[in-house]
Amino acid sequence: MSKHIKGRGAQKRLHNRFSELEHRPLDDYLNYCEWEGEDTGSIKTKYLQVFPKTFVNKVTSPDVGMGYSANPYQGCEHGCVYCYARNTHEYWGFGPGVDFESNILVKKNAPQLLEEKLRSKHWQGETIVFSGNTDCYQPIERKLEITRKCLKRMLHWKHPTGIITKNSLILRDLDLLKEMAKLNTIAVNISITSLSEDTRRLLEPRTATIKNRLKTVGVLSANNIPVNVMLAPIIPSLNSHEILPLVKEVANLGALSVAHTIVRLNGQVADLFEDWARKTIPDKADRVLNQIAECHGGKLNDSNWGRRIKGEGVLAQQISDTVSLAKSKYLKGRKMPKLDKSHYLRLKDPQLNLFGRD
């Protein structure tokens, strides 16, 4: 059995399917790179600045639950082995394995691009969700503060904002979130996959601890910032038994709702996940993989909209029923608020466009 790479989710590199060329670290180049994070042998994290022309993206998938997303970073150092976004790293010339979590693309011009969008006369103030693809509060955000700068602009324009994260670093921006909550322009989604720190370390090696994530739910809720907890993903025989106690815990901390997805191993993530399972949970690997396939018509992935999120079959239905039971038992009468875009400055005063950019 190959050695487990401590501190990383993916346990190997995979070649980019779309290119004959691929990025390889060169010793003479690495001397100019900025490294952070724990020691993981020869695999260090590298940050590369990119210069996109746009920042706010329209989400075309009808079952994702958001209309627009904005990602300050591409790639994610959190290293969640199951992450569906790994395949998107191939569009940037990297592989979806270790490359995804060790080559982080940074958009330092994101706040300026966001400002241009919010000033546009064509923009109607629809909710923008940070991030949707990779975590806007991954470790490098502590230093670069790109997400914080974006949130300052969202607060200034009084614009509806969503956040998806599994990092307690969001509490650094509590001052901004509290002001947004007064206007009902903020909703936070905290992803918690397990109450077990051992499971967290294997599945999501560089994320915030479970203790800190639960604390985050409590602090946000105590400050009247609406929190939805994402049980995402549910992995049969790995964390599916934790649904009821997890929902009870976050409900006690003030969460207003929960949502779940069944893990789907799209693209090359299936290869990565199976490799990870053989190396980290060898005694459970076959059972976990077989039950994931049972939820997706005999395959590890299902790309059909609607069905791909919640799965199909007896096992997927049992998971869905358990989540429904947990909601009725612990979250009855609670729901996330509909965000208010009536405060959005450009809609309130079209004359602001005179000095903006289209």
Protein backbone atom coordinates (compact mmCIF):
# COMPACT_ATOMS: atom_id res chain seq x y z
CA MET A 1 0.00 0.00 0.00
CA SER A 2 1.31 3.47 -0.90
CA LYS A 3 2.12 5.88 1.92
CA HIS A 4 -0.64 8.26 3.00
CA ILE A 5 0.25 11.90 2.31
CA LYS A 6 -0.39 13.69 5.57
CA GLY A 7 -2.21 16.99 5.33
CA ARG A 8 -3.56 16.39 1.81
CA GLY A 9 -6.91 15.08 0.64
CA ALA A 10 -5.87 13.81 -2.79
CA GLN A 11 -3.19 11.18 -2.49
CA LYS A 12 -1.78 11.52 -5.99
CA ARG A 13 -1.46 13.80 -8.96
CA LEU A 14 -3.60 13.28 -12.03
CA HIS A 15 -2.76 14.49 -15.51
CA ASN A 16 -4.91 17.20 -17.08
CA ARG A 17 -7.19 15.39 -19.55
CA PHE A 18 -7.46 18.39 -21.85
CA SER A 19 -3.81 19.14 -22.47
CA GLU A 20 -0.71 17.35 -23.67
CA LEU A 21 1.23 19.77 -21.48
CA GLU A 22 0.96 20.05 -17.72
CA HIS A 23 2.40 22.22 -14.98
CA ARG A 24 5.43 20.70 -13.25
CA PRO A 25 7.28 22.32 -10.34
CA LEU A 26 10.82 23.32 -11.31
CA ASP A 27 13.45 23.84 -8.60
CA ASP A 28 14.68 27.12 -10.09
CA TYR A 29 11.08 28.43 -10.23
CA LEU A 30 10.07 27.34 -6.75
CA ASN A 31 12.63 29.70 -5.22
CA TYR A 32 10.32 32.57 -6.20
CA CYS A 33 7.11 31.10 -4.82
CA GLU A 34 5.45 31.91 -1.52
CA TRP A 35 4.81 28.88 0.70
CA GLU A 36 2.50 28.47 3.65
CA GLY A 37 0.83 25.68 5.56
CA GLU A 38 1.96 22.56 7.38
CA ASP A 39 4.80 20.37 6.22
CA THR A 40 3.58 17.74 3.76
CA GLY A 41 6.90 16.42 2.61
CA SER A 42 7.73 17.55 -0.91
CA ILE A 43 4.26 19.02 -1.57
CA LYS A 44 4.01 22.68 -0.67
CA THR A 45 1.29 25.18 -1.45
CA LYS A 46 1.95 27.70 -4.22
CA TYR A 47 -0.05 30.88 -4.88
CA LEU A 48 -0.25 32.25 -8.41
CA GLN A 49 -1.87 35.57 -9.26
CA VAL A 50 -4.25 35.57 -12.22
CA PHE A 51 -5.99 38.48 -13.91
CA PRO A 52 -9.59 37.64 -14.89
CA LYS A 53 -11.67 40.13 -16.86
CA THR A 54 -14.87 39.28 -15.01
CA PHE A 55 -15.59 38.08 -11.49
CA VAL A 56 -19.34 37.48 -11.08
CA ASN A 57 -20.46 34.30 -12.87
CA LYS A 58 -23.97 33.26 -13.87
CA VAL A 59 -24.77 29.76 -12.60
CA THR A 60 -26.57 27.77 -15.28
CA SER A 61 -27.08 24.54 -13.33
CA PRO A 62 -30.76 24.53 -12.28
CA ASP A 63 -30.29 22.39 -9.15
CA VAL A 64 -27.50 24.31 -7.41
CA GLY A 65 -29.75 26.84 -5.71
CA MET A 66 -27.94 30.04 -6.68
CA GLY A 67 -28.10 32.37 -9.64
CA TYR A 68 -24.69 34.05 -9.45
CA SER A 69 -21.41 33.13 -7.83
CA ALA A 70 -18.07 34.84 -7.27
CA ASN A 71 -14.82 33.00 -6.53
CA PRO A 72 -11.84 35.00 -5.22
CA TYR A 73 -9.68 31.87 -5.53
CA GLN A 74 -9.45 28.88 -7.87
CA GLY A 75 -8.18 25.68 -6.36
CA CYS A 76 -8.63 25.14 -2.64
CA GLU A 77 -6.07 24.37 0.03
CA HIS A 78 -8.72 22.79 2.24
CA GLY A 79 -8.11 19.61 0.21
CA CYS A 80 -11.52 17.96 0.59
CA VAL A 81 -11.01 14.72 -1.28
CA TYR A 82 -14.60 14.53 -2.58
CA CYS A 83 -14.75 18.10 -3.95
CA TYR A 84 -16.66 18.36 -7.23
CA ALA A 85 -14.70 21.52 -8.12
CA ARG A 86 -11.44 19.61 -8.55
CA ASN A 87 -12.19 19.01 -12.21
CA THR A 88 -12.41 22.75 -12.90
CA HIS A 89 -8.70 23.09 -12.16
CA GLU A 90 -8.03 21.37 -15.46
CA TYR A 91 -9.35 24.44 -17.28
CA TRP A 92 -6.41 26.36 -15.80
CA GLY A 93 -3.86 23.79 -16.97
CA PHE A 94 -3.52 21.89 -13.70
CA GLY A 95 -4.57 18.43 -12.59
CA PRO A 96 -7.53 17.78 -10.25
CA GLY A 97 -5.50 15.83 -7.69
CA VAL A 98 -2.79 17.28 -5.49
CA ASP A 99 -2.46 20.19 -7.95
CA PHE A 100 -5.95 21.41 -7.01
CA GLU A 101 -5.02 21.88 -3.38
CA SER A 102 -1.39 22.94 -3.79
CA ASN A 103 -1.64 25.41 -6.72
CA ILE A 104 -4.01 28.18 -5.67
CA LEU A 105 -4.92 30.85 -8.21
CA VAL A 106 -5.48 34.26 -6.63
CA LYS A 107 -7.67 37.03 -8.06
CA LYS A 108 -6.35 40.17 -6.41
CA ASN A 109 -8.37 42.35 -8.77
CA ALA A 110 -11.66 40.73 -7.69
CA PRO A 111 -12.84 43.68 -5.54
CA GLN A 112 -12.40 46.11 -8.44
CA LEU A 113 -14.20 43.80 -10.86
CA LEU A 114 -17.01 43.38 -8.33
CA GLU A 115 -17.33 47.15 -7.99
CA GLU A 116 -17.72 47.47 -11.75
CA LYS A 117 -20.46 44.86 -11.72
CA LEU A 118 -22.39 46.53 -8.92
CA ARG A 119 -22.23 49.87 -10.72
CA SER A 120 -23.45 48.47 -14.04
CA LYS A 121 -26.78 49.87 -15.21
CA HIS A 122 -27.74 46.37 -16.38
CA TRP A 123 -27.28 44.74 -12.98
CA GLN A 124 -30.49 44.21 -11.03
CA GLY A 125 -29.20 43.26 -7.60
CA GLU A 126 -29.63 39.49 -7.68
CA THR A 127 -27.93 37.65 -4.81
CA ILE A 128 -24.24 36.94 -5.39
CA VAL A 129 -22.86 33.92 -3.54
CA PHE A 130 -19.24 33.66 -2.41
CA SER A 131 -17.97 31.22 -3.55
CA GLY A 132 -19.83 28.29 -5.09
CA ASN A 133 -16.73 26.66 -6.52
CA THR A 134 -13.88 26.95 -4.02
CA ASP A 135 -13.89 28.30 -0.47
CA CYS A 136 -13.64 32.08 -0.18
CA TYR A 137 -12.21 31.68 3.34
CA GLN A 138 -9.44 29.19 2.63
CA PRO A 139 -6.17 29.76 4.57
CA ILE A 140 -4.54 32.37 2.27
CA GLU A 141 -7.55 34.66 2.78
CA ARG A 142 -6.23 35.43 6.27
CA LYS A 143 -3.30 37.24 4.64
CA LEU A 144 -4.75 38.58 1.37
CA GLU A 145 -8.24 39.62 2.60
CA ILE A 146 -9.72 39.52 -0.92
CA THR A 147 -13.05 38.21 0.38
CA ARG A 148 -13.16 40.88 3.08
CA LYS A 149 -12.53 43.61 0.50
CA CYS A 150 -15.37 42.21 -1.61
CA LEU A 151 -17.72 42.12 1.37
CA LYS A 152 -16.93 45.76 2.12
CA ARG A 153 -18.16 46.62 -1.35
CA MET A 154 -21.27 44.48 -0.96
CA LEU A 155 -22.04 46.25 2.32
CA HIS A 156 -21.41 49.68 0.80
CA TRP A 157 -23.86 48.97 -2.02
CA LYS A 158 -26.27 47.22 0.38
CA HIS A 159 -26.36 44.26 -1.96
CA PRO A 160 -27.81 40.77 -1.21
CA THR A 161 -24.94 38.40 -0.40
CA GLY A 162 -24.56 34.68 0.21
CA ILE A 163 -21.51 32.94 1.64
CA ILE A 164 -20.59 29.25 1.54
CA THR A 165 -17.65 28.18 3.69
CA LYS A 166 -16.31 25.56 6.05
CA ASN A 167 -13.74 27.85 7.64
CA SER A 168 -14.17 29.69 10.93
CA LEU A 169 -12.13 32.55 9.45
CA ILE A 170 -15.50 34.05 8.48
CA LEU A 171 -15.77 35.29 12.08
CA ARG A 172 -12.99 37.77 11.32
CA ASP A 173 -15.57 39.64 9.22
CA LEU A 174 -18.28 39.62 11.86
CA ASP A 175 -18.32 43.42 11.89
CA LEU A 176 -19.37 43.52 8.24
CA LEU A 177 -21.81 40.63 8.52
CA LYS A 178 -23.63 42.23 11.46
CA GLU A 179 -24.24 45.40 9.47
CA MET A 180 -25.46 43.39 6.48
CA ALA A 181 -27.79 41.39 8.71
CA LYS A 182 -29.49 44.60 9.85
CA LEU A 183 -30.51 45.11 6.21
CA ASN A 184 -31.39 41.45 5.63
CA THR A 185 -28.76 41.25 2.86
CA ILE A 186 -26.67 38.31 4.15
CA ALA A 187 -27.13 34.56 4.43
CA VAL A 188 -24.34 32.21 5.49
CA ASN A 189 -24.02 28.52 4.65
CA ILE A 190 -21.63 26.57 6.85
CA SER A 191 -20.61 23.13 5.60
CA ILE A 192 -20.28 20.48 8.32
CA THR A 193 -19.88 16.90 7.18
CA SER A 194 -19.22 15.18 10.48
CA LEU A 195 -19.04 15.55 14.25
CA SER A 196 -15.95 13.32 14.27
CA GLU A 197 -12.61 15.09 14.18
CA ASP A 198 -10.95 11.87 12.98
CA THR A 199 -13.28 11.77 9.97
CA ARG A 200 -12.71 15.48 9.32
CA ARG A 201 -8.93 15.08 9.30
CA LEU A 202 -9.13 12.36 6.65
CA LEU A 203 -11.82 13.85 4.43
CA GLU A 204 -11.02 17.57 4.76
CA PRO A 205 -7.46 17.79 6.08
CA ARG A 206 -6.95 21.57 6.05
CA THR A 207 -10.39 22.81 7.00
CA ALA A 208 -11.36 24.34 10.33
CA THR A 209 -11.90 21.83 13.11
CA ILE A 210 -15.40 20.61 13.85
CA LYS A 211 -15.27 22.44 17.19
CA ASN A 212 -14.50 25.73 15.47
CA ARG A 213 -17.15 25.22 12.81
CA LEU A 214 -19.80 24.57 15.45
CA LYS A 215 -18.61 27.65 17.30
CA THR A 216 -18.99 29.62 14.07
CA VAL A 217 -22.63 28.54 13.73
CA GLY A 218 -23.27 29.65 17.30
CA VAL A 219 -21.53 33.02 17.04
CA LEU A 220 -23.19 33.95 13.76
CA SER A 221 -26.62 32.91 15.03
CA ALA A 222 -26.15 34.82 18.27
CA ASN A 223 -25.52 37.93 16.16
CA ASN A 224 -28.73 37.44 14.15
CA ILE A 225 -26.87 36.38 11.03
CA PRO A 226 -28.95 33.63 9.37
CA VAL A 227 -27.14 30.31 9.08
CA ASN A 228 -27.95 27.28 6.98
CA VAL A 229 -25.83 24.19 7.66
CA MET A 230 -24.90 22.11 4.66
CA LEU A 231 -24.65 18.38 5.35
CA ALA A 232 -22.60 18.12 2.22
CA PRO A 233 -21.80 15.62 1.17
CA ILE A 234 -23.43 12.67 2.90
CA ILE A 235 -21.20 9.65 2.25
CA PRO A 236 -22.90 6.31 2.95
CA SER A 237 -21.21 4.26 5.68
CA LEU A 238 -18.85 7.12 6.44
CA ASN A 239 -20.96 9.96 7.86
CA SER A 240 -24.56 8.95 7.02
CA HIS A 241 -25.11 7.71 10.57
CA GLU A 242 -24.44 11.21 11.97
CA ILE A 243 -27.37 13.06 10.42
CA LEU A 244 -29.65 13.19 13.47
CA PRO A 245 -27.01 14.13 16.08
CA LEU A 246 -25.47 16.68 13.71
CA VAL A 247 -28.77 18.43 13.01
CA LYS A 248 -29.60 18.41 16.73
CA GLU A 249 -26.25 20.03 17.52
CA VAL A 250 -26.50 22.84 14.97
CA ALA A 251 -30.15 23.46 15.83
CA ASN A 252 -29.16 23.97 19.47
CA LEU A 253 -26.58 26.49 18.26
CA GLY A 254 -29.19 28.51 16.40
CA ALA A 255 -29.02 27.31 12.78
CA LEU A 256 -32.22 28.10 10.89
CA SER A 257 -32.07 25.24 8.39
CA VAL A 258 -30.03 22.37 6.98
CA ALA A 259 -29.62 20.98 3.48
CA HIS A 260 -27.94 17.82 2.27
CA THR A 261 -26.39 16.32 -0.84
CA ILE A 262 -25.30 12.77 -1.60
CA VAL A 263 -21.65 12.56 -2.58
CA ARG A 264 -21.14 12.28 -6.33
CA LEU A 265 -17.69 11.61 -7.69
CA ASN A 266 -17.73 13.44 -10.99
CA GLY A 267 -14.97 13.26 -13.59
CA GLN A 268 -11.56 12.34 -12.21
CA VAL A 269 -12.76 12.76 -8.63
CA ALA A 270 -13.94 9.13 -8.74
CA ASP A 271 -10.37 7.96 -9.34
CA LEU A 272 -9.03 10.22 -6.61
CA PHE A 273 -11.66 9.19 -4.08
CA GLU A 274 -11.18 5.48 -4.69
CA ASP A 275 -7.40 5.87 -4.34
CA TRP A 276 -7.96 7.83 -1.12
CA ALA A 277 -10.36 5.21 0.25
CA ARG A 278 -7.96 2.32 -0.45
CA LYS A 279 -5.18 4.16 1.40
CA THR A 280 -7.01 5.73 4.34
CA ILE A 281 -10.01 3.49 5.10
CA PRO A 282 -9.01 0.15 3.52
CA ASP A 283 -11.37 -1.88 5.73
CA LYS A 284 -14.38 0.22 4.66
CA ALA A 285 -13.37 1.11 1.10
CA ASP A 286 -15.42 -1.48 -0.79
CA ARG A 287 -18.54 -0.92 1.27
CA VAL A 288 -18.36 2.88 0.93
CA LEU A 289 -17.72 2.77 -2.82
CA ASN A 290 -20.46 0.22 -3.44
CA GLN A 291 -23.01 2.21 -1.48
CA ILE A 292 -22.11 5.44 -3.27
CA ALA A 293 -22.69 3.61 -6.55
CA GLU A 294 -26.00 2.28 -5.20
CA CYS A 295 -27.16 5.90 -4.83
CA HIS A 296 -26.30 6.72 -8.45
CA GLY A 297 -27.68 3.88 -10.51
CA GLY A 298 -24.61 1.67 -10.13
CA LYS A 299 -22.03 4.39 -10.89
CA LEU A 300 -19.94 6.65 -8.70
CA ASN A 301 -21.33 9.71 -10.44
CA ASP A 302 -24.63 10.87 -11.90
CA SER A 303 -24.62 14.04 -14.01
CA ASN A 304 -28.39 14.34 -14.42
CA TRP A 305 -29.69 17.59 -12.97
CA GLY A 306 -31.91 17.17 -9.96
CA ARG A 307 -31.16 13.50 -9.46
CA ARG A 308 -27.41 14.01 -9.09
CA ILE A 309 -27.76 16.07 -5.91
CA LYS A 310 -29.92 13.74 -3.79
CA GLY A 311 -29.30 10.41 -5.54
CA GLU A 312 -31.81 7.65 -6.21
CA GLY A 313 -32.70 4.23 -4.88
CA VAL A 314 -33.50 2.81 -1.46
CA LEU A 315 -30.36 4.01 0.31
CA ALA A 316 -30.63 7.57 -1.02
CA GLN A 317 -34.28 7.65 0.04
CA GLN A 318 -33.38 6.45 3.53
CA ILE A 319 -30.86 9.28 3.83
CA SER A 320 -33.39 11.82 2.56
CA ASP A 321 -36.02 10.54 5.00
CA THR A 322 -33.56 10.80 7.88
CA VAL A 323 -32.77 14.42 7.00
CA SER A 324 -36.50 15.18 6.81
CA LEU A 325 -37.03 13.57 10.22
CA ALA A 326 -34.18 15.59 11.69
CA LYS A 327 -35.63 18.83 10.30
CA SER A 328 -39.09 18.15 11.70
CA LYS A 329 -37.66 17.12 15.06
CA TYR A 330 -35.10 19.88 15.61
CA LEU A 331 -35.81 22.72 13.17
CA LYS A 332 -39.60 22.91 13.08
CA GLY A 333 -40.84 26.42 12.37
CA ARG A 334 -37.45 27.74 11.29
CA LYS A 335 -36.42 28.83 7.81
CA MET A 336 -33.85 31.02 6.09
CA PRO A 337 -35.09 34.51 5.21
CA LYS A 338 -35.49 35.75 1.65
CA LEU A 339 -32.80 38.39 1.15
CA ASP A 340 -33.91 41.96 0.52
CA LYS A 341 -32.56 43.76 -2.54
CA SER A 342 -34.65 46.89 -2.06
CA HIS A 343 -31.72 48.53 -0.24
CA TYR A 344 -29.37 48.12 -3.20
CA LEU A 345 -28.13 51.64 -3.86
CA ARG A 346 -28.06 51.54 -7.63
CA LEU A 347 -31.71 50.52 -7.77
CA LYS A 348 -32.65 53.18 -5.24
CA ASP A 349 -30.78 55.94 -7.07
CA PRO A 350 -30.10 55.32 -10.80
CA GLN A 351 -28.18 58.63 -10.91
CA LEU A 352 -25.28 56.77 -9.31
CA ASN A 353 -24.62 55.29 -12.75
CA LEU A 354 -23.46 58.65 -14.02
CA PHE A 355 -20.10 58.06 -12.42
CA GLY A 356 -20.00 54.29 -12.76
CA ARG A 357 -18.90 51.97 -15.50
CA ASP A 358 -21.25 49.91 -17.65
